[in-house]
Amino acid sequence: MPMEIKNVDEFLEKMKYAKKIIVVNRMPKYIKIKARTKRRLYTLKLHDEKLAEEILSKAKVEIVEY
């Protein structure tokens, strides 16, 4: 079951255990980022594109964009 996280720091902590990072939507209002771990899928919805790019630059796993 997917779990939406509202806190960026908490998402960065979960992202350490991710096997894959998926950028699903790049809409004009927001960007949705998903991190797939062994047990769960975590999602984060951001309204700032610069912050989203900063988070994605910290990822150490494969990034897939749709």
PDB file of N, CA and C in Angstrom:
ATOM      1  N   MET A   1       0.839  -1.178   0.000  1.00  0.00           N
ATOM      2  CA  MET A   1       0.000   0.000   0.000  1.00  0.00           C
ATOM      3  C   MET A   1       0.888   1.248   0.000  1.00  0.00           C
ATOM      4  N   PRO A   2       0.682   2.177  -0.907  1.00  0.00           N
ATOM      5  CA  PRO A   2       1.501   3.385  -0.950  1.00  0.00           C
ATOM      6  C   PRO A   2       1.253   4.279   0.259  1.00  0.00           C
ATOM      7  N   MET A   3       2.280   5.011   0.635  1.00  0.00           N
ATOM      8  CA  MET A   3       2.187   5.905   1.780  1.00  0.00           C
ATOM      9  C   MET A   3       2.696   7.277   1.360  1.00  0.00           C
ATOM     10  N   GLU A   4       1.857   8.301   1.517  1.00  0.00           N
ATOM     11  CA  GLU A   4       2.269   9.657   1.154  1.00  0.00           C
ATOM     12  C   GLU A   4       2.934  10.312   2.351  1.00  0.00           C
ATOM     13  N   ILE A   5       4.095  10.894   2.099  1.00  0.00           N
ATOM     14  CA  ILE A   5       4.850  11.582   3.134  1.00  0.00           C
ATOM     15  C   ILE A   5       4.798  13.068   2.817  1.00  0.00           C
ATOM     16  N   LYS A   6       4.526  13.883   3.820  1.00  0.00           N
ATOM     17  CA  LYS A   6       4.434  15.330   3.633  1.00  0.00           C
ATOM     18  C   LYS A   6       5.745  16.039   3.978  1.00  0.00           C
ATOM     19  N   ASN A   7       6.588  15.406   4.787  1.00  0.00           N
ATOM     20  CA  ASN A   7       7.820  16.015   5.258  1.00  0.00           C
ATOM     21  C   ASN A   7       8.990  15.609   4.355  1.00  0.00           C
ATOM     22  N   VAL A   8       9.742  16.589   3.860  1.00  0.00           N
ATOM     23  CA  VAL A   8      10.853  16.321   2.948  1.00  0.00           C
ATOM     24  C   VAL A   8      11.970  15.561   3.655  1.00  0.00           C
ATOM     25  N   ASP A   9      12.269  15.924   4.905  1.00  0.00           N
ATOM     26  CA  ASP A   9      13.342  15.249   5.636  1.00  0.00           C
ATOM     27  C   ASP A   9      13.012  13.777   5.874  1.00  0.00           C
ATOM     28  N   GLU A  10      11.772  13.485   6.163  1.00  0.00           N
ATOM     29  CA  GLU A  10      11.350  12.097   6.361  1.00  0.00           C
ATOM     30  C   GLU A  10      11.458  11.311   5.047  1.00  0.00           C
ATOM     31  N   PHE A  11      11.113  11.959   3.929  1.00  0.00           N
ATOM     32  CA  PHE A  11      11.224  11.299   2.621  1.00  0.00           C
ATOM     33  C   PHE A  11      12.692  11.014   2.295  1.00  0.00           C
ATOM     34  N   LEU A  12      13.585  11.951   2.616  1.00  0.00           N
ATOM     35  CA  LEU A  12      15.013  11.731   2.373  1.00  0.00           C
ATOM     36  C   LEU A  12      15.537  10.560   3.197  1.00  0.00           C
ATOM     37  N   GLU A  13      15.025  10.405   4.410  1.00  0.00           N
ATOM     38  CA  GLU A  13      15.419   9.275   5.258  1.00  0.00           C
ATOM     39  C   GLU A  13      14.960   7.952   4.647  1.00  0.00           C
ATOM     40  N   LYS A  14      13.725   7.920   4.136  1.00  0.00           N
ATOM     41  CA  LYS A  14      13.202   6.703   3.500  1.00  0.00           C
ATOM     42  C   LYS A  14      13.897   6.424   2.172  1.00  0.00           C
ATOM     43  N   MET A  15      14.350   7.476   1.511  1.00  0.00           N
ATOM     44  CA  MET A  15      14.986   7.339   0.206  1.00  0.00           C
ATOM     45  C   MET A  15      16.326   6.602   0.299  1.00  0.00           C
ATOM     46  N   LYS A  16      16.925   6.596   1.473  1.00  0.00           N
ATOM     47  CA  LYS A  16      18.188   5.867   1.663  1.00  0.00           C
ATOM     48  C   LYS A  16      18.016   4.373   1.414  1.00  0.00           C
ATOM     49  N   TYR A  17      16.824   3.858   1.670  1.00  0.00           N
ATOM     50  CA  TYR A  17      16.553   2.431   1.539  1.00  0.00           C
ATOM     51  C   TYR A  17      15.867   2.084   0.212  1.00  0.00           C
ATOM     52  N   ALA A  18      15.716   3.062  -0.659  1.00  0.00           N
ATOM     53  CA  ALA A  18      14.985   2.849  -1.906  1.00  0.00           C
ATOM     54  C   ALA A  18      15.790   2.018  -2.891  1.00  0.00           C
ATOM     55  N   LYS A  19      15.074   1.210  -3.665  1.00  0.00           N
ATOM     56  CA  LYS A  19      15.682   0.428  -4.734  1.00  0.00           C
ATOM     57  C   LYS A  19      15.546   1.151  -6.061  1.00  0.00           C
ATOM     58  N   LYS A  20      14.530   2.013  -6.175  1.00  0.00           N
ATOM     59  CA  LYS A  20      14.281   2.755  -7.406  1.00  0.00           C
ATOM     60  C   LYS A  20      13.533   4.032  -7.058  1.00  0.00           C
ATOM     61  N   ILE A  21      13.871   5.128  -7.747  1.00  0.00           N
ATOM     62  CA  ILE A  21      13.161   6.396  -7.595  1.00  0.00           C
ATOM     63  C   ILE A  21      12.408   6.647  -8.898  1.00  0.00           C
ATOM     64  N   ILE A  22      11.136   6.985  -8.788  1.00  0.00           N
ATOM     65  CA  ILE A  22      10.315   7.213  -9.964  1.00  0.00           C
ATOM     66  C   ILE A  22       9.733   8.625  -9.894  1.00  0.00           C
ATOM     67  N   VAL A  23       9.955   9.407 -10.930  1.00  0.00           N
ATOM     68  CA  VAL A  23       9.309  10.714 -11.049  1.00  0.00           C
ATOM     69  C   VAL A  23       8.100  10.498 -11.946  1.00  0.00           C
ATOM     70  N   VAL A  24       6.927  10.578 -11.370  1.00  0.00           N
ATOM     71  CA  VAL A  24       5.727  10.205 -12.100  1.00  0.00           C
ATOM     72  C   VAL A  24       5.153  11.382 -12.879  1.00  0.00           C
ATOM     73  N   ASN A  25       4.868  12.460 -12.200  1.00  0.00           N
ATOM     74  CA  ASN A  25       4.197  13.582 -12.852  1.00  0.00           C
ATOM     75  C   ASN A  25       5.016  14.852 -12.705  1.00  0.00           C
ATOM     76  N   ARG A  26       5.194  15.538 -13.815  1.00  0.00           N
ATOM     77  CA  ARG A  26       5.749  16.893 -13.787  1.00  0.00           C
ATOM     78  C   ARG A  26       4.668  17.819 -14.310  1.00  0.00           C
ATOM     79  N   MET A  27       3.732  18.106 -13.443  1.00  0.00           N
ATOM     80  CA  MET A  27       2.619  18.987 -13.779  1.00  0.00           C
ATOM     81  C   MET A  27       3.046  20.437 -13.535  1.00  0.00           C
ATOM     82  N   PRO A  28       2.308  21.404 -14.068  1.00  0.00           N
ATOM     83  CA  PRO A  28       2.675  22.807 -13.819  1.00  0.00           C
ATOM     84  C   PRO A  28       2.610  23.201 -12.338  1.00  0.00           C
ATOM     85  N   LYS A  29       1.725  22.554 -11.583  1.00  0.00           N
ATOM     86  CA  LYS A  29       1.560  22.925 -10.177  1.00  0.00           C
ATOM     87  C   LYS A  29       2.423  22.114  -9.216  1.00  0.00           C
ATOM     88  N   TYR A  30       2.750  20.878  -9.556  1.00  0.00           N
ATOM     89  CA  TYR A  30       3.486  20.027  -8.624  1.00  0.00           C
ATOM     90  C   TYR A  30       4.279  18.960  -9.362  1.00  0.00           C
ATOM     91  N   ILE A  31       5.190  18.335  -8.615  1.00  0.00           N
ATOM     92  CA  ILE A  31       5.962  17.187  -9.093  1.00  0.00           C
ATOM     93  C   ILE A  31       5.750  16.073  -8.078  1.00  0.00           C
ATOM     94  N   LYS A  32       5.436  14.890  -8.552  1.00  0.00           N
ATOM     95  CA  LYS A  32       5.224  13.737  -7.671  1.00  0.00           C
ATOM     96  C   LYS A  32       6.412  12.794  -7.820  1.00  0.00           C
ATOM     97  N   ILE A  33       7.045  12.477  -6.681  1.00  0.00           N
ATOM     98  CA  ILE A  33       8.207  11.594  -6.645  1.00  0.00           C
ATOM     99  C   ILE A  33       7.844  10.373  -5.819  1.00  0.00           C
ATOM    100  N   LYS A  34       8.197   9.207  -6.335  1.00  0.00           N
ATOM    101  CA  LYS A  34       7.930   7.962  -5.616  1.00  0.00           C
ATOM    102  C   LYS A  34       9.254   7.253  -5.347  1.00  0.00           C
ATOM    103  N   ALA A  35       9.368   6.683  -4.164  1.00  0.00           N
ATOM    104  CA  ALA A  35      10.544   5.902  -3.787  1.00  0.00           C
ATOM    105  C   ALA A  35      10.077   4.499  -3.438  1.00  0.00           C
ATOM    106  N   ARG A  36      10.588   3.505  -4.133  1.00  0.00           N
ATOM    107  CA  ARG A  36      10.192   2.113  -3.929  1.00  0.00           C
ATOM    108  C   ARG A  36      11.212   1.436  -3.022  1.00  0.00           C
ATOM    109  N   THR A  37      10.787   1.000  -1.843  1.00  0.00           N
ATOM    110  CA  THR A  37      11.638   0.215  -0.955  1.00  0.00           C
ATOM    111  C   THR A  37      11.202  -1.239  -1.034  1.00  0.00           C
ATOM    112  N   LYS A  38      11.840  -2.055  -0.236  1.00  0.00           N
ATOM    113  CA  LYS A  38      11.517  -3.480  -0.254  1.00  0.00           C
ATOM    114  C   LYS A  38      10.077  -3.738   0.193  1.00  0.00           C
ATOM    115  N   ARG A  39       9.605  -2.992   1.162  1.00  0.00           N
ATOM    116  CA  ARG A  39       8.282  -3.244   1.722  1.00  0.00           C
ATOM    117  C   ARG A  39       7.191  -2.293   1.246  1.00  0.00           C
ATOM    118  N   ARG A  40       7.541  -1.065   0.915  1.00  0.00           N
ATOM    119  CA  ARG A  40       6.512  -0.066   0.710  1.00  0.00           C
ATOM    120  C   ARG A  40       6.889   0.922  -0.392  1.00  0.00           C
ATOM    121  N   LEU A  41       5.889   1.599  -0.909  1.00  0.00           N
ATOM    122  CA  LEU A  41       6.065   2.658  -1.896  1.00  0.00           C
ATOM    123  C   LEU A  41       5.744   3.980  -1.209  1.00  0.00           C
ATOM    124  N   TYR A  42       6.721   4.887  -1.162  1.00  0.00           N
ATOM    125  CA  TYR A  42       6.536   6.188  -0.535  1.00  0.00           C
ATOM    126  C   TYR A  42       6.398   7.239  -1.621  1.00  0.00           C
ATOM    127  N   THR A  43       5.458   8.169  -1.438  1.00  0.00           N
ATOM    128  CA  THR A  43       5.259   9.239  -2.410  1.00  0.00           C
ATOM    129  C   THR A  43       5.439  10.588  -1.729  1.00  0.00           C
ATOM    130  N   LEU A  44       5.891  11.549  -2.519  1.00  0.00           N
ATOM    131  CA  LEU A  44       6.069  12.921  -2.047  1.00  0.00           C
ATOM    132  C   LEU A  44       5.601  13.847  -3.154  1.00  0.00           C
ATOM    133  N   LYS A  45       4.760  14.789  -2.805  1.00  0.00           N
ATOM    134  CA  LYS A  45       4.252  15.752  -3.774  1.00  0.00           C
ATOM    135  C   LYS A  45       4.853  17.110  -3.436  1.00  0.00           C
ATOM    136  N   LEU A  46       5.600  17.686  -4.393  1.00  0.00           N
ATOM    137  CA  LEU A  46       6.273  18.961  -4.169  1.00  0.00           C
ATOM    138  C   LEU A  46       5.745  20.015  -5.127  1.00  0.00           C
ATOM    139  N   HIS A  47       5.710  21.246  -4.652  1.00  0.00           N
ATOM    140  CA  HIS A  47       5.259  22.362  -5.477  1.00  0.00           C
ATOM    141  C   HIS A  47       6.432  23.221  -5.948  1.00  0.00           C
ATOM    142  N   ASP A  48       7.646  22.890  -5.497  1.00  0.00           N
ATOM    143  CA  ASP A  48       8.841  23.647  -5.861  1.00  0.00           C
ATOM    144  C   ASP A  48       9.752  22.754  -6.708  1.00  0.00           C
ATOM    145  N   GLU A  49       9.945  23.129  -7.968  1.00  0.00           N
ATOM    146  CA  GLU A  49      10.730  22.290  -8.877  1.00  0.00           C
ATOM    147  C   GLU A  49      12.210  22.268  -8.494  1.00  0.00           C
ATOM    148  N   LYS A  50      12.736  23.367  -7.981  1.00  0.00           N
ATOM    149  CA  LYS A  50      14.150  23.399  -7.564  1.00  0.00           C
ATOM    150  C   LYS A  50      14.398  22.443  -6.402  1.00  0.00           C
ATOM    151  N   LEU A  51      13.467  22.390  -5.469  1.00  0.00           N
ATOM    152  CA  LEU A  51      13.588  21.469  -4.341  1.00  0.00           C
ATOM    153  C   LEU A  51      13.515  20.024  -4.817  1.00  0.00           C
ATOM    154  N   ALA A  52      12.647  19.766  -5.791  1.00  0.00           N
ATOM    155  CA  ALA A  52      12.522  18.416  -6.342  1.00  0.00           C
ATOM    156  C   ALA A  52      13.825  17.989  -7.023  1.00  0.00           C
ATOM    157  N   GLU A  53      14.436  18.875  -7.779  1.00  0.00           N
ATOM    158  CA  GLU A  53      15.704  18.551  -8.437  1.00  0.00           C
ATOM    159  C   GLU A  53      16.811  18.318  -7.418  1.00  0.00           C
ATOM    160  N   GLU A  54      16.789  19.070  -6.327  1.00  0.00           N
ATOM    161  CA  GLU A  54      17.782  18.886  -5.264  1.00  0.00           C
ATOM    162  C   GLU A  54      17.627  17.516  -4.604  1.00  0.00           C
ATOM    163  N   ILE A  55      16.383  17.107  -4.369  1.00  0.00           N
ATOM    164  CA  ILE A  55      16.117  15.794  -3.775  1.00  0.00           C
ATOM    165  C   ILE A  55      16.567  14.686  -4.729  1.00  0.00           C
ATOM    166  N   LEU A  56      16.262  14.836  -6.004  1.00  0.00           N
ATOM    167  CA  LEU A  56      16.649  13.815  -6.979  1.00  0.00           C
ATOM    168  C   LEU A  56      18.161  13.732  -7.153  1.00  0.00           C
ATOM    169  N   SER A  57      18.861  14.837  -6.950  1.00  0.00           N
ATOM    170  CA  SER A  57      20.321  14.803  -7.065  1.00  0.00           C
ATOM    171  C   SER A  57      20.955  14.019  -5.916  1.00  0.00           C
ATOM    172  N   LYS A  58      20.248  13.890  -4.800  1.00  0.00           N
ATOM    173  CA  LYS A  58      20.754  13.145  -3.645  1.00  0.00           C
ATOM    174  C   LYS A  58      20.505  11.646  -3.772  1.00  0.00           C
ATOM    175  N   ALA A  59      19.726  11.232  -4.753  1.00  0.00           N
ATOM    176  CA  ALA A  59      19.392   9.823  -4.913  1.00  0.00           C
ATOM    177  C   ALA A  59      20.610   9.052  -5.393  1.00  0.00           C
ATOM    178  N   LYS A  60      20.812   7.875  -4.807  1.00  0.00           N
ATOM    179  CA  LYS A  60      21.943   7.026  -5.155  1.00  0.00           C
ATOM    180  C   LYS A  60      21.522   5.805  -5.973  1.00  0.00           C
ATOM    181  N   VAL A  61      20.269   5.786  -6.366  1.00  0.00           N
ATOM    182  CA  VAL A  61      19.735   4.657  -7.134  1.00  0.00           C
ATOM    183  C   VAL A  61      19.209   5.154  -8.472  1.00  0.00           C
ATOM    184  N   GLU A  62      18.720   4.223  -9.270  1.00  0.00           N
ATOM    185  CA  GLU A  62      18.204   4.534 -10.604  1.00  0.00           C
ATOM    186  C   GLU A  62      16.985   5.455 -10.506  1.00  0.00           C
ATOM    187  N   ILE A  63      16.958   6.472 -11.368  1.00  0.00           N
ATOM    188  CA  ILE A  63      15.825   7.389 -11.452  1.00  0.00           C
ATOM    189  C   ILE A  63      15.125   7.161 -12.772  1.00  0.00           C
ATOM    190  N   VAL A  64      13.819   6.891 -12.713  1.00  0.00           N
ATOM    191  CA  VAL A  64      13.018   6.638 -13.915  1.00  0.00           C
ATOM    192  C   VAL A  64      11.997   7.761 -14.018  1.00  0.00           C
ATOM    193  N   GLU A  65      11.913   8.405 -15.189  1.00  0.00           N
ATOM    194  CA  GLU A  65      10.942   9.482 -15.387  1.00  0.00           C
ATOM    195  C   GLU A  65       9.884   9.061 -16.392  1.00  0.00           C
ATOM    196  N   TYR A  66       8.647   9.462 -16.114  1.00  0.00           N
ATOM    197  CA  TYR A  66       7.529   9.202 -17.008  1.00  0.00           C
ATOM    198  C   TYR A  66       6.950  10.496 -17.491  1.00  0.00           C
TER     199      TYR A  66
END
